[in-house]
Every structure is written in structure tokens, then in C-alpha cells.
Amino acid sequence: MTPKEIAHNLFYVGVNDRQKELFENLWPLPLGVSYNAYLLVDEKIVLIDTVEVGYADVFLKEIEGVLNGRAPDYLIVGHMEPDHSGSIRLLRRRYPKVQIVGNSKTFEMLEGYHGITSGLYEVKEGDALHIGSRELRFYMAPMVHWPEVMFTYDPKEKILFSADAFGTYGALNGGVLDAELDLAPFRDEMIRYYANIVGKYAGPVQKALGKLSAMDIQTICSTHGPVWREYRAEAVALYEALSRYEGEHGVTIAYASMYGHTEQMAETIARSLAENGIKPIAMHNVSKSNASYILRDLFRYKALILGSPTYSNQLFPEMESLLGKIEIRQVKGRLFGCFGSFTWAGASVKRLAAFAERMNWETVGEPVEQKQGLSTRQACRSLGKAMADRLNHRNL
């Protein structure tokens, strides 16, 4: 495969992974994922990031296809997570003189993962690396989403190498630049990627976006997903909205149900929402929908309604697991409603209400608790209407 030149003397040398089923062994990858790396050829040759070690052979061949016997002078490590740093040891074996560029936290991890302690070139905030006709500048972006993350900026070509920021799930099917691809799936996958991977770190993301606002950026080269050029403003705007927890006009309903009674409550609430003008409504059975998609919709929409039966005087286990994943991400500013059912002793509604208090969310409407069969139809409809009224009378 011929490496793709995405700007003057800048080549894409990343790979696609359509085999892995779970990213981080947690998050489904129905569309695959790309591991992006870039090779900049000037008086000095600079490689920016590597790929997951299972694809090292393909990656090294891509580099060789550009260099024709030359060797890279520098490897810039923007992020040490193994899907991007996994091939560093093999790269150093192939090119023993390559200098590894990173910050002090990078080098701590580099030693821990790969035992590499020599041939290092340390940079700090605002430092520059002169490589010929270009000067690369470095900006620290700690906790987006690891502490060592840093961005690299090429002022001449106005290119930002953004590590995992602005990344998405999804393999690159033929194209690399955004204009070459069908972007319809990538918006959903960017929201899901942010919610799953970056979502806890809104404050650091906002700080990083603040730094970027002072730069003239025409191209964004992330480590996952398309290279953003024609639609770069849309990618930045989406990150801005997600990191501010803005939420679109819509409702996510996530429920657990053992024998269908709690599910009937969820259906009744959803019908009421729709009849009162709310759309979209995203519905998830927590026993079937992977939490990855529920988190995506939680970040996407302003309102969340949760329902669960009581299970051994606790929440249904999959609902309890979901609450833990939401709480870790410290999602702010959601409108909340809840409902639940029980046969002889109710606990689920009380626990869901306590969760909303811990999250400091606004509870809308009266929680609905049902004993045994569907006997709360009107209360469920009232909850749906209360949420619809709250959304419809607020400028979201």
C-alpha cells in the first residue's frame, strides 16, 4: 500500500484494526478503529506516534515505503497509551539512532513500558524543534486523557497533531482526510469515544481548547479517526459542547427489567414524552445495550430517565454497573427522572434518587414506584410530561 501524503511532505503511516472487538477490552468496535501515525520529511525526518504492537510490521513497512532506506531522526510521542506507543521498542530496534521526543512524564512511562532510558529529547511547554524548513512547537495537554499528553503544532503548515483529542472510533475505509470519507458514522463515534474515554476530563479538555484558540489551525491530525481539515471547525465545536456538558434537546431512557413490568413503565414514559413534543428519545435496555452506547447518549442529550426493579434489596446489577460508569465521568448538568418496580419490598427508586443527589442533578417530576404489575400508567405519563415541559420551557 502506498503511504498517503496528506500535506506537503507529511505522510499518513497509520493502520486500521478491524479485528479487535473491544477497545480497552470494554467498548465495542463494530466499525473498527484506526491507529494514526504521521511521518514528516524535511531536513530532519520526524515520526509522530506509533501504532498498536500487533500492527508494527505493517507500520514499519509503511515508513520504509516513504523513506527508501533513510531513517527517522526523531519520534515524537504525543501519548503513551499502548495503542499508540506499543511499537516504540520495535521501532528503536529498527532505527537505533532515533531520538525520542517527549516530556518528563512521557519518559517515566517510556521506561516503565519499554525500559528505554537513553536517546531522549525532553521538551516543555512552548519549546520548539527545528527540523529544516519547519519548526515544531509543543504544548502540554495533561489529562486529555493521560498526564503525559502533549500536542505538536506545525506553524508553517498550520497543522495540529492532537494525540487522542478529536479522535473517534471507526476504521478509515479508503480515505484518510475528512473530505474523502462518509462522515455520518464518525459524529456518533466521536461522541461515543469522548464519552467512553475522555469524558471524565472536561476541565483539562477546556484548558487544552483554550490553548488551541490562539493558534491558526487548518488541519487536525488525531491518533484515531479522520484527519480533520474541511470539517475541522465542526470537530472542535463538538468537543467544546461535549466538554461543557451542553447536551442536545432530547432524552435518554435507560432501564432494567426482568419480566417486562419495568419495561412497560419505560414505554409509557417514552410515549408521554413523544406526545408532548420531545424527540429524539434514546431507549436502552441495560441488559442488552452496552454501556458504551448509553454513555454516548447521556453526553449527547440533556435529560436522563433511569428505571430499575428492586433486586435483592438493591438495584438490578446491570443498572448498578451503569451508575458506577456514569459517576466516574462526573457528568454535570443533567435533568433527571426515575422509576422502578418491586414485588414485596421496594429499594430501587430510593437508590436512583440518591444517585441523582450525588451527581447534583436536577430531579424533574415525581419518581414513580410500582408494586408488581403495571398499576402506575398515569404516574408514568405524568413523569414524561413533566420532563417534556421542563425541556420545552428551557433554552437548551
Protein backbone atom coordinates (compact mmCIF):
# COMPACT_ATOMS: atom_id res chain seq x y z
CA MET A 1 0.00 0.00 0.00
CA THR A 2 1.35 3.43 -0.95
CA PRO A 3 1.58 5.82 2.02
CA LYS A 4 -0.74 8.80 1.62
CA GLU A 5 0.64 12.34 1.50
CA ILE A 6 -1.86 14.46 3.43
CA ALA A 7 0.10 17.74 3.28
CA HIS A 8 3.41 18.83 1.79
CA ASN A 9 5.93 16.13 2.80
CA LEU A 10 3.59 14.86 5.50
CA PHE A 11 2.59 11.22 5.13
CA TYR A 12 -0.05 9.16 6.88
CA VAL A 13 1.53 5.88 8.10
CA GLY A 14 -1.25 4.65 10.37
CA VAL A 15 -3.15 1.37 10.23
CA ASN A 16 -6.72 0.12 10.52
CA ASP A 17 -7.83 -2.50 13.03
CA ARG A 18 -10.99 -4.34 12.02
CA GLN A 19 -10.27 -7.37 14.22
CA LYS A 20 -10.42 -6.05 17.77
CA GLU A 21 -13.89 -6.42 19.25
CA LEU A 22 -13.48 -4.30 22.39
CA PHE A 23 -11.43 -1.11 22.74
CA GLU A 24 -9.67 -1.13 26.13
CA ASN A 25 -11.36 -4.53 26.47
CA LEU A 26 -14.54 -2.61 27.34
CA TRP A 27 -16.02 -0.66 24.44
CA PRO A 28 -17.46 -2.33 21.29
CA LEU A 29 -15.85 -1.62 17.93
CA PRO A 30 -18.47 -2.57 15.31
CA LEU A 31 -16.81 -0.23 12.80
CA GLY A 32 -13.22 -0.99 13.83
CA VAL A 33 -10.68 1.64 14.81
CA SER A 34 -7.64 3.32 13.29
CA TYR A 35 -4.27 3.89 14.94
CA ASN A 36 -2.90 7.01 13.28
CA ALA A 37 0.75 7.90 12.91
CA TYR A 38 2.40 10.53 10.73
CA LEU A 39 5.78 10.92 9.03
CA LEU A 40 7.14 14.39 8.32
CA VAL A 41 10.02 14.58 5.83
CA ASP A 42 12.20 17.70 5.99
CA GLU A 43 15.95 18.13 6.51
CA LYS A 44 15.24 16.01 9.55
CA ILE A 45 12.72 13.19 9.41
CA VAL A 46 10.11 13.15 12.17
CA LEU A 47 7.72 10.35 13.04
CA ILE A 48 4.75 11.36 15.16
CA ASP A 49 3.43 8.48 17.28
CA THR A 50 3.41 4.77 16.52
CA VAL A 51 0.69 2.09 16.47
CA GLU A 52 -0.55 -0.88 18.49
CA VAL A 53 2.19 -3.53 18.59
CA GLY A 54 0.14 -6.14 16.73
CA TYR A 55 0.34 -3.91 13.64
CA ALA A 56 4.01 -2.99 13.99
CA ASP A 57 5.07 -4.95 10.90
CA VAL A 58 2.57 -3.13 8.67
CA PHE A 59 3.51 0.19 10.27
CA LEU A 60 7.26 -0.28 9.71
CA LYS A 61 6.66 -1.21 6.09
CA GLU A 62 4.64 1.98 5.64
CA ILE A 63 7.57 4.01 6.98
CA GLU A 64 10.03 2.22 4.73
CA GLY A 65 7.76 2.92 1.76
CA VAL A 66 8.25 6.64 2.31
CA LEU A 67 11.91 6.75 3.38
CA ASN A 68 13.51 4.40 0.82
CA GLY A 69 16.41 3.49 3.07
CA ARG A 70 16.62 6.68 5.11
CA ALA A 71 15.99 6.61 8.85
CA PRO A 72 13.82 8.85 11.02
CA ASP A 73 15.75 11.31 13.18
CA TYR A 74 13.03 11.88 15.75
CA LEU A 75 9.99 10.10 17.16
CA ILE A 76 7.55 12.48 18.85
CA VAL A 77 5.44 10.68 21.45
CA GLY A 78 2.20 12.57 21.96
CA HIS A 79 0.58 9.89 24.10
CA MET A 80 1.96 6.80 25.82
CA GLU A 81 -1.17 4.63 25.83
CA PRO A 82 -0.14 1.28 24.31
CA ASP A 83 -2.37 1.59 21.24
CA HIS A 84 -0.07 4.46 20.22
CA SER A 85 3.22 3.61 21.91
CA GLY A 86 3.16 -0.18 21.53
CA SER A 87 5.59 -0.24 18.61
CA ILE A 88 8.24 2.07 20.10
CA ARG A 89 10.56 -0.73 21.19
CA LEU A 90 10.46 -2.38 17.76
CA LEU A 91 10.93 0.98 16.06
CA ARG A 92 14.01 1.66 18.18
CA ARG A 93 15.42 -1.75 17.23
CA ARG A 94 14.92 -0.96 13.56
CA TYR A 95 16.24 2.60 13.89
CA PRO A 96 18.59 2.61 16.93
CA LYS A 97 19.66 6.26 16.45
CA VAL A 98 16.17 7.74 16.51
CA GLN A 99 15.77 10.38 19.22
CA ILE A 100 12.55 10.06 21.21
CA VAL A 101 10.88 13.42 21.89
CA GLY A 102 8.62 13.77 24.90
CA ASN A 103 8.17 15.41 28.28
CA SER A 104 9.31 14.20 31.70
CA LYS A 105 6.08 12.25 32.30
CA THR A 106 6.43 10.63 28.88
CA PHE A 107 9.86 9.37 29.80
CA GLU A 108 8.70 7.89 33.11
CA MET A 109 6.15 5.81 31.20
CA LEU A 110 8.61 5.03 28.41
CA GLU A 111 10.93 3.42 30.93
CA GLY A 112 8.07 1.59 32.61
CA TYR A 113 6.60 0.15 29.42
CA HIS A 114 9.71 -0.32 27.29
CA GLY A 115 12.77 0.02 29.52
CA ILE A 116 14.07 2.85 27.31
CA THR A 117 16.12 5.48 29.15
CA SER A 118 18.56 6.80 26.55
CA GLY A 119 18.34 8.69 23.28
CA LEU A 120 15.73 11.04 24.74
CA TYR A 121 14.97 14.65 23.81
CA GLU A 122 12.92 16.38 26.50
CA VAL A 123 10.59 19.26 25.67
CA LYS A 124 8.50 21.59 27.81
CA GLU A 125 5.59 23.95 27.22
CA GLY A 126 6.21 26.14 24.16
CA ASP A 127 9.54 24.56 23.23
CA ALA A 128 10.47 24.30 19.55
CA LEU A 129 12.21 21.64 17.48
CA HIS A 130 13.85 22.88 14.27
CA ILE A 131 13.81 20.25 11.54
CA GLY A 132 14.73 22.31 8.46
CA SER A 133 12.08 24.42 6.78
CA ARG A 134 9.74 23.70 9.66
CA GLU A 135 9.73 24.43 13.36
CA LEU A 136 7.56 22.20 15.52
CA ARG A 137 6.17 23.57 18.78
CA PHE A 138 4.97 21.60 21.80
CA TYR A 139 2.06 22.26 24.14
CA MET A 140 1.26 20.17 27.18
CA ALA A 141 -2.29 18.80 27.45
CA PRO A 142 -2.21 16.83 30.70
CA MET A 143 -5.21 14.61 31.44
CA VAL A 144 -6.55 14.70 27.89
CA HIS A 145 -6.76 11.94 28.89
CA TRP A 146 -3.43 10.81 30.44
CA PRO A 147 -0.99 13.03 32.37
CA GLU A 148 1.80 12.96 29.77
CA VAL A 149 -0.29 14.01 26.74
CA MET A 150 1.13 16.78 24.59
CA PHE A 151 0.19 18.41 21.30
CA THR A 152 2.60 19.18 18.47
CA TYR A 153 1.96 22.18 16.22
CA ASP A 154 3.47 22.98 12.83
CA PRO A 155 3.03 26.77 12.36
CA LYS A 156 4.24 26.70 8.75
CA GLU A 157 1.56 24.30 7.51
CA LYS A 158 -0.86 25.15 10.37
CA ILE A 159 -1.19 21.50 11.39
CA LEU A 160 -2.02 20.30 14.90
CA PHE A 161 -1.06 16.78 15.98
CA SER A 162 -3.58 16.36 18.77
CA ALA A 163 -2.93 12.92 20.32
CA ASP A 164 -6.32 11.40 21.27
CA ALA A 165 -8.16 14.74 21.22
CA PHE A 166 -10.72 14.92 18.40
CA GLY A 167 -10.38 11.16 17.94
CA THR A 168 -13.15 8.76 17.04
CA TYR A 169 -13.82 5.07 16.83
CA GLY A 170 -14.15 3.69 13.30
CA ALA A 171 -11.65 2.37 10.77
CA LEU A 172 -10.77 4.60 7.82
CA ASN A 173 -12.35 2.97 4.80
CA GLY A 174 -10.13 4.02 1.92
CA GLY A 175 -9.79 7.71 2.72
CA VAL A 176 -7.82 9.48 5.42
CA LEU A 177 -8.88 13.13 5.09
CA ASP A 178 -12.37 14.02 6.29
CA ALA A 179 -13.50 15.11 2.82
CA GLU A 180 -12.65 11.65 1.45
CA LEU A 181 -14.88 9.80 3.91
CA ASP A 182 -18.54 9.34 4.70
CA LEU A 183 -18.58 11.27 7.95
CA ALA A 184 -22.09 10.26 9.02
CA PRO A 185 -20.91 7.40 11.29
CA PHE A 186 -17.97 9.38 12.67
CA ARG A 187 -20.03 12.00 14.52
CA ASP A 188 -21.75 9.32 16.58
CA GLU A 189 -18.44 7.53 17.07
CA MET A 190 -16.70 10.73 18.18
CA ILE A 191 -19.38 11.33 20.82
CA ARG A 192 -19.14 7.72 21.96
CA TYR A 193 -15.33 7.84 22.03
CA TYR A 194 -15.40 11.07 24.06
CA ALA A 195 -18.00 9.69 26.48
CA ASN A 196 -16.14 6.40 26.97
CA ILE A 197 -12.52 7.58 27.03
CA VAL A 198 -12.21 11.32 27.64
CA GLY A 199 -15.49 12.18 29.37
CA LYS A 200 -14.16 12.41 32.92
CA TYR A 201 -11.66 15.11 31.98
CA ALA A 202 -13.80 18.06 30.87
CA GLY A 203 -11.71 20.60 32.78
CA PRO A 204 -8.42 19.60 31.14
CA VAL A 205 -10.16 19.48 27.75
CA GLN A 206 -11.36 23.05 28.26
CA LYS A 207 -7.84 24.17 29.16
CA ALA A 208 -6.47 22.49 26.04
CA LEU A 209 -9.13 24.11 23.87
CA GLY A 210 -8.18 27.45 25.37
CA LYS A 211 -4.59 26.97 24.20
CA LEU A 212 -5.74 25.99 20.73
CA SER A 213 -7.90 29.09 20.37
CA ALA A 214 -4.76 31.21 19.94
CA MET A 215 -3.46 29.08 17.04
CA ASP A 216 -4.28 29.19 13.35
CA ILE A 217 -5.15 25.53 12.78
CA GLN A 218 -6.06 24.35 9.29
CA THR A 219 -5.59 20.61 9.80
CA ILE A 220 -6.02 18.40 12.88
CA CYS A 221 -4.19 15.06 12.91
CA SER A 222 -5.60 12.94 15.71
CA THR A 223 -4.43 9.46 16.69
CA HIS A 224 -7.84 7.91 15.87
CA GLY A 225 -10.23 8.58 13.03
CA PRO A 226 -10.20 11.05 10.14
CA VAL A 227 -7.69 13.81 9.59
CA TRP A 228 -9.86 16.90 10.12
CA ARG A 229 -9.42 19.65 7.56
CA GLU A 230 -12.57 20.68 5.73
CA TYR A 231 -14.69 19.90 8.80
CA ARG A 232 -12.16 20.83 11.48
CA ALA A 233 -14.37 23.60 12.90
CA GLU A 234 -17.21 21.11 13.40
CA ALA A 235 -14.87 18.70 15.20
CA VAL A 236 -13.66 21.43 17.55
CA ALA A 237 -17.20 22.68 18.16
CA LEU A 238 -18.36 19.18 19.08
CA TYR A 239 -15.52 18.82 21.60
CA GLU A 240 -16.36 22.25 23.00
CA ALA A 241 -20.00 21.27 23.51
CA LEU A 242 -19.19 17.87 25.00
CA SER A 243 -16.64 19.25 27.44
CA ARG A 244 -19.17 21.85 28.60
CA TYR A 245 -21.83 19.12 29.08
CA GLU A 246 -24.18 21.21 26.98
CA GLY A 247 -26.45 18.38 25.88
CA GLU A 248 -28.81 18.49 22.91
CA HIS A 249 -32.59 18.70 23.23
CA GLY A 250 -33.56 15.08 23.86
CA VAL A 251 -33.99 12.34 26.44
CA THR A 252 -32.16 9.10 27.18
CA ILE A 253 -34.18 6.40 28.94
CA ALA A 254 -32.16 3.50 30.33
CA TYR A 255 -33.98 0.76 32.18
CA ALA A 256 -33.59 -2.71 33.61
CA SER A 257 -36.42 -5.23 33.50
CA MET A 258 -36.58 -8.89 34.48
CA TYR A 259 -40.12 -9.84 33.44
CA GLY A 260 -41.25 -6.81 31.45
CA HIS A 261 -43.07 -4.77 34.11
CA THR A 262 -40.39 -2.07 34.42
CA GLU A 263 -40.06 -2.06 30.64
CA GLN A 264 -43.78 -1.28 30.35
CA MET A 265 -43.21 1.71 32.60
CA ALA A 266 -40.36 2.87 30.34
CA GLU A 267 -42.57 2.52 27.27
CA THR A 268 -45.34 4.56 28.89
CA ILE A 269 -42.93 7.35 29.86
CA ALA A 270 -41.47 7.41 26.35
CA ARG A 271 -44.94 7.61 24.79
CA SER A 272 -45.78 10.57 27.01
CA LEU A 273 -42.54 12.32 26.09
CA ALA A 274 -43.27 11.88 22.39
CA GLU A 275 -46.86 13.06 22.72
CA ASN A 276 -45.55 16.19 24.42
CA GLY A 277 -43.22 17.03 21.55
CA ILE A 278 -39.91 15.50 22.64
CA LYS A 279 -37.57 13.96 20.12
CA PRO A 280 -35.18 12.33 19.88
CA ILE A 281 -35.75 9.75 22.60
CA ALA A 282 -32.99 7.15 23.01
CA MET A 283 -34.10 3.99 24.80
CA HIS A 284 -31.76 1.35 26.22
CA ASN A 285 -32.39 -1.93 27.99
CA VAL A 286 -29.28 -2.15 30.18
CA SER A 287 -29.20 -5.93 29.83
CA LYS A 288 -28.82 -5.60 26.07
CA SER A 289 -27.31 -2.19 25.28
CA ASN A 290 -23.63 -1.99 26.05
CA ALA A 291 -22.90 0.85 28.48
CA SER A 292 -20.75 2.43 25.78
CA TYR A 293 -23.86 3.50 23.85
CA ILE A 294 -25.79 4.60 26.92
CA LEU A 295 -22.89 6.85 27.93
CA ARG A 296 -22.82 8.25 24.40
CA ASP A 297 -26.47 9.27 24.64
CA LEU A 298 -26.01 10.57 28.18
CA PHE A 299 -23.39 13.01 26.88
CA ARG A 300 -25.47 13.80 23.81
CA TYR A 301 -28.85 14.60 25.40
CA LYS A 302 -29.77 16.94 28.22
CA ALA A 303 -32.21 14.68 30.08
CA LEU A 304 -31.82 11.19 31.55
CA ILE A 305 -34.55 8.96 32.96
CA LEU A 306 -33.50 5.74 34.71
CA GLY A 307 -35.62 2.81 35.80
CA SER A 308 -34.91 -0.42 37.63
CA PRO A 309 -36.63 -3.21 39.50
CA THR A 310 -35.52 -3.93 43.04
CA TYR A 311 -33.14 -6.89 43.02
CA SER A 312 -32.22 -8.49 46.37
CA ASN A 313 -33.00 -5.17 48.04
CA GLN A 314 -30.58 -3.44 45.66
CA LEU A 315 -30.65 -2.07 42.14
CA PHE A 316 -30.64 -4.53 39.26
CA PRO A 317 -26.91 -5.39 38.83
CA GLU A 318 -26.55 -4.01 35.29
CA MET A 319 -28.15 -0.75 36.38
CA GLU A 320 -25.79 -0.55 39.36
CA SER A 321 -22.87 -1.05 36.98
CA LEU A 322 -24.13 1.72 34.70
CA LEU A 323 -24.42 4.16 37.61
CA GLY A 324 -20.80 3.48 38.51
CA LYS A 325 -19.68 4.26 34.97
CA ILE A 326 -21.67 7.49 34.93
CA GLU A 327 -20.42 8.58 38.35
CA ILE A 328 -16.78 8.05 37.35
CA ARG A 329 -17.29 10.50 34.48
CA GLN A 330 -18.75 13.19 36.77
CA VAL A 331 -21.28 14.28 34.15
CA LYS A 332 -22.78 17.64 35.05
CA GLY A 333 -25.99 19.48 34.42
CA ARG A 334 -28.42 16.71 33.53
CA LEU A 335 -32.17 16.79 34.08
CA PHE A 336 -33.14 13.57 35.85
CA GLY A 337 -36.17 11.40 36.38
CA CYS A 338 -36.52 7.88 37.77
CA PHE A 339 -38.91 4.99 38.17
CA GLY A 340 -38.83 1.44 39.48
CA SER A 341 -40.78 -1.62 40.47
CA PHE A 342 -40.80 -4.27 43.17
CA THR A 343 -42.80 -7.28 44.34
CA TRP A 344 -42.59 -7.22 48.15
CA ALA A 345 -40.04 -4.56 49.20
CA GLY A 346 -39.01 -1.54 47.16
CA ALA A 347 -35.47 -0.12 47.10
CA SER A 348 -34.65 0.84 43.50
CA VAL A 349 -36.32 4.25 43.34
CA LYS A 350 -34.73 5.33 46.61
CA ARG A 351 -31.30 4.32 45.32
CA LEU A 352 -31.79 6.03 41.95
CA ALA A 353 -32.87 9.23 43.69
CA ALA A 354 -29.80 9.10 45.94
CA PHE A 355 -27.61 8.71 42.86
CA ALA A 356 -29.07 11.88 41.31
CA GLU A 357 -28.34 13.76 44.55
CA ARG A 358 -24.71 12.62 44.46
CA MET A 359 -24.46 13.85 40.87
CA ASN A 360 -26.04 17.18 41.86
CA TRP A 361 -28.57 16.85 39.04
CA GLU A 362 -31.98 18.50 38.91
CA THR A 363 -34.74 15.96 39.54
CA VAL A 364 -37.81 16.58 37.38
CA GLY A 365 -41.27 15.25 38.18
CA GLU A 366 -42.23 12.73 40.83
CA PRO A 367 -40.33 9.42 40.92
CA VAL A 368 -42.65 6.54 40.10
CA GLU A 369 -42.57 3.32 42.13
CA GLN A 370 -44.72 0.36 41.12
CA LYS A 371 -45.67 -2.73 43.10
CA GLN A 372 -45.99 -5.84 40.93
CA GLY A 373 -47.97 -5.36 37.67
CA LEU A 374 -48.45 -2.12 35.69
CA SER A 375 -50.57 0.00 38.03
CA THR A 376 -48.81 3.33 37.59
CA ARG A 377 -49.67 4.21 34.00
CA GLN A 378 -50.91 7.71 34.82
CA ALA A 379 -47.95 8.44 37.12
CA CYS A 380 -45.56 7.35 34.33
CA ARG A 381 -47.35 9.61 31.87
CA SER A 382 -47.07 12.46 34.35
CA LEU A 383 -43.33 11.91 34.69
CA GLY A 384 -42.94 12.00 30.92
CA LYS A 385 -44.99 15.20 30.66
CA ALA A 386 -43.05 16.88 33.48
CA MET A 387 -39.76 16.17 31.72
CA ALA A 388 -41.14 17.37 28.39
CA ASP A 389 -42.39 20.59 29.99
CA ARG A 390 -39.01 21.15 31.62
CA LEU A 391 -37.17 20.69 28.33
CA ASN A 392 -39.63 22.68 26.23
CA HIS A 393 -39.53 25.71 28.52
CA ARG A 394 -35.78 25.97 28.70
CA ASN A 395 -33.43 27.45 26.13
CA LEU A 396 -31.13 24.44 25.58
